[in-house]
Structures are given as C-alpha cells and as structure tokens.
Amino acid sequence: MELEVGTVLEGKVTGITKFGAFVSFPSGKSGLVHISEIAYPYVQNVSDHLSDGQTVRVKVIGIDENGRINLSIKKAAEPPRTANSTSQMPIRNQQPVKTAYRVPAQTVAETPNQDNSFEDKLKRFMQDSDSKISCIKQYSDRRSGSQRRRSRS
C-alpha cells in the first residue's frame, strides 16, 4: 500500500524520543509523530501520552523529498469539544492564566454573544488594547530595570 498525504492508518509505536514518537506500519514503513502532533493540549513529555508497542491511529501529514513520513495523531481524531471557544479564559475558583498582562475583569465577565454596536465593540477593544499595552510596558520596564541593576554591580 502506497502512503499518501491525508491517509489515516493504524500503526504501532516503535520508539519514543524527547521530540516525538516513531510509528511503524504493517507494510514495513515508519514515520515520526512530532511532539506537537501528539495531542491537542500541550505535551511536555511524550512518554506521558504514548508507550512502546501501543497501537495508534495516525494521519499522514507530509512526506518530504527524502521519503521521511510526518504523522499526526491529533489530526487523525476529532478535536476535543469545549464548552466555549475561549479556552484561554480562566474559570472561577481556578488559577488564572499567567500572562504578561492582566485581562480586565469586565472583559472576562462579558459574553461575546452580546448584541453591541460596532462603536461599542471598537471602544471596548481600544480600552483592552491600551490596558494590555500599558501592562506589557510595565513588565518590560521592570525587566530592563533589573538588568541595569545587575550590570552596574
């Protein structure tokens, strides 16, 4: 069977590295599932998601000129369903998402489905942008200030 981009197959994990996992097929060919193509959430350690000898369903996402086969586990399956499209928003009673800026409380509480005029949306966007930019500037000023103190010593 000839492998083509877009083909979904089942294969067996034959090796695990820090950057991904090698999967072999019954036809004798093998390919690499990069760490970024293993699961939808962030994967820090491949061994947490896969093990040697495990049978996995993969999709061929690329074949380069040297014949190396690039595979994806997450593209072979449907993406996980989320309650809403704003998965980066912190949920109450949980730790907030750590960023260089803080999201204004009014933005988190509001739902994106409200019927607002274009002017209202633009005004809110500009306020959020200004707030984020000022937080980023404060963060970078703090960082450059601490670097200056260290270099003077």
Protein backbone atom coordinates (compact mmCIF):
# COMPACT_ATOMS: atom_id res chain seq x y z
CA MET A 1 0.00 0.00 0.00
CA GLU A 2 1.37 3.38 -1.00
CA LEU A 3 1.25 6.10 1.65
CA GLU A 4 -0.22 9.44 0.59
CA VAL A 5 -0.75 12.71 2.43
CA GLY A 6 -4.16 12.62 4.12
CA THR A 7 -4.24 8.84 4.60
CA VAL A 8 -5.38 7.70 8.06
CA LEU A 9 -3.76 4.44 9.25
CA GLU A 10 -3.13 2.41 12.35
CA GLY A 11 0.44 1.75 13.39
CA LYS A 12 2.50 0.64 16.33
CA VAL A 13 4.75 2.92 18.38
CA THR A 14 8.31 1.57 17.99
CA GLY A 15 10.33 4.30 19.65
CA ILE A 16 9.90 7.32 21.88
CA THR A 17 12.23 10.32 21.90
CA LYS A 18 12.08 13.72 23.57
CA PHE A 19 10.86 15.27 20.30
CA GLY A 20 8.24 12.69 19.28
CA ALA A 21 7.50 9.04 18.61
CA PHE A 22 8.27 6.69 15.74
CA VAL A 23 5.36 4.67 14.39
CA SER A 24 5.73 1.66 12.07
CA PHE A 25 3.10 0.22 9.75
CA PRO A 26 2.41 -3.37 8.70
CA SER A 27 3.83 -2.52 5.24
CA GLY A 28 7.26 -2.07 6.86
CA LYS A 29 7.40 1.72 6.53
CA SER A 30 7.64 4.02 9.52
CA GLY A 31 7.21 7.69 10.28
CA LEU A 32 7.57 10.28 13.01
CA VAL A 33 4.83 11.86 15.09
CA HIS A 34 6.32 15.15 16.28
CA ILE A 35 5.62 16.10 19.91
CA SER A 36 3.38 18.96 18.70
CA GLU A 37 1.18 16.49 16.79
CA ILE A 38 0.54 14.03 19.64
CA ALA A 39 -2.33 15.73 21.48
CA TYR A 40 -4.29 18.98 21.47
CA PRO A 41 -3.16 20.13 24.92
CA TYR A 42 0.50 20.98 25.46
CA VAL A 43 2.67 17.85 25.59
CA GLN A 44 5.76 18.21 27.75
CA ASN A 45 6.75 14.55 27.92
CA VAL A 46 5.94 12.13 25.09
CA SER A 47 6.01 9.17 27.50
CA ASP A 48 3.02 10.62 29.36
CA HIS A 49 0.86 10.12 26.25
CA LEU A 50 2.41 7.17 24.40
CA SER A 51 4.23 3.94 25.22
CA ASP A 52 6.31 1.46 23.19
CA GLY A 53 4.16 -1.13 21.44
CA GLN A 54 0.97 0.95 21.69
CA THR A 55 -1.28 0.88 18.61
CA VAL A 56 -2.21 4.39 17.47
CA ARG A 57 -4.33 5.89 14.72
CA VAL A 58 -2.31 8.42 12.70
CA LYS A 59 -2.77 10.66 9.68
CA VAL A 60 -0.02 11.21 7.12
CA ILE A 61 0.52 14.98 7.05
CA GLY A 62 3.64 15.08 4.92
CA ILE A 63 6.27 13.15 3.01
CA ASP A 64 9.49 15.02 2.26
CA GLU A 65 11.84 14.58 -0.70
CA ASN A 66 13.99 12.13 1.32
CA GLY A 67 10.98 9.84 1.89
CA ARG A 68 10.55 10.71 5.57
CA ILE A 69 6.93 10.42 6.67
CA ASN A 70 5.43 13.03 9.01
CA LEU A 71 2.46 11.82 11.03
CA SER A 72 -0.17 13.33 13.32
CA ILE A 73 -2.24 11.64 16.00
CA LYS A 74 -4.34 14.68 16.81
CA LYS A 75 -5.34 15.28 13.17
CA ALA A 76 -6.49 11.65 12.88
CA ALA A 77 -9.06 12.25 15.63
CA GLU A 78 -11.71 14.90 16.10
CA PRO A 79 -10.67 17.92 18.17
CA PRO A 80 -11.93 17.88 21.74
CA ARG A 81 -15.19 19.72 22.27
CA THR A 82 -15.05 22.72 24.56
CA ALA A 83 -17.84 24.48 26.40
CA ASN A 84 -16.92 27.74 24.70
CA SER A 85 -14.33 28.95 22.24
CA THR A 86 -12.48 31.00 24.86
CA SER A 87 -10.48 28.16 26.38
CA GLN A 88 -7.73 30.58 27.47
CA MET A 89 -10.09 32.43 29.81
CA PRO A 90 -9.66 31.49 33.46
CA ILE A 91 -12.57 29.74 35.12
CA ARG A 92 -13.65 30.95 38.54
CA ASN A 93 -12.13 29.12 41.51
CA GLN A 94 -9.14 28.03 39.42
CA GLN A 95 -5.70 29.51 38.97
CA PRO A 96 -5.67 32.35 36.43
CA VAL A 97 -3.76 32.01 33.17
CA LYS A 98 -0.31 33.53 33.67
CA THR A 99 0.40 36.22 31.10
CA ALA A 100 2.47 39.37 30.90
CA TYR A 101 -0.72 41.41 31.20
CA ARG A 102 -3.96 41.15 33.12
CA VAL A 103 -7.30 40.81 31.39
CA PRO A 104 -9.74 43.42 32.73
CA ALA A 105 -12.46 41.87 34.89
CA GLN A 106 -15.25 43.35 32.77
CA THR A 107 -13.95 41.56 29.66
CA VAL A 108 -13.94 38.16 31.38
CA ALA A 109 -17.46 38.60 32.72
CA GLU A 110 -18.98 39.69 29.41
CA THR A 111 -20.07 37.17 26.83
CA PRO A 112 -19.03 37.57 23.18
CA ASN A 113 -22.60 36.95 22.01
CA GLN A 114 -23.97 40.27 23.22
CA ASP A 115 -25.54 42.48 20.54
CA ASN A 116 -23.46 45.63 20.69
CA SER A 117 -22.96 48.27 18.07
CA PHE A 118 -19.71 48.49 16.18
CA GLU A 119 -18.75 51.63 18.09
CA ASP A 120 -19.22 49.86 21.45
CA LYS A 121 -17.10 46.94 20.31
CA LEU A 122 -14.40 49.25 18.97
CA LYS A 123 -14.37 51.28 22.19
CA ARG A 124 -14.02 48.12 24.31
CA PHE A 125 -11.27 46.82 22.02
CA MET A 126 -9.32 50.07 22.30
CA GLN A 127 -9.63 50.09 26.10
CA ASP A 128 -8.46 46.48 26.32
CA SER A 129 -5.57 47.18 23.95
CA ASP A 130 -4.45 50.22 25.91
CA SER A 131 -4.63 48.25 29.14
CA LYS A 132 -2.63 45.35 27.71
CA ILE A 133 -0.01 47.64 26.19
CA SER A 134 0.49 49.50 29.47
CA CYS A 135 0.88 46.22 31.35
CA ILE A 136 3.41 44.96 28.82
CA LYS A 137 5.36 48.23 29.09
CA GLN A 138 5.40 47.97 32.89
CA TYR A 139 6.59 44.37 32.64
CA SER A 140 9.38 45.22 30.19
CA ASP A 141 10.41 48.28 32.26
CA ARG A 142 10.71 46.07 35.34
CA ARG A 143 12.79 43.55 33.44
CA SER A 144 15.12 46.15 31.92
CA GLY A 145 15.44 47.87 35.31
CA SER A 146 16.58 44.65 36.97
CA GLN A 147 19.08 44.03 34.17
CA ARG A 148 20.52 47.52 34.61
CA ARG A 149 20.95 46.94 38.34
CA ARG A 150 22.82 43.70 37.73
CA SER A 151 25.10 45.18 35.09
CA ARG A 152 26.17 48.06 37.40
CA SER A 153 27.40 45.67 40.10
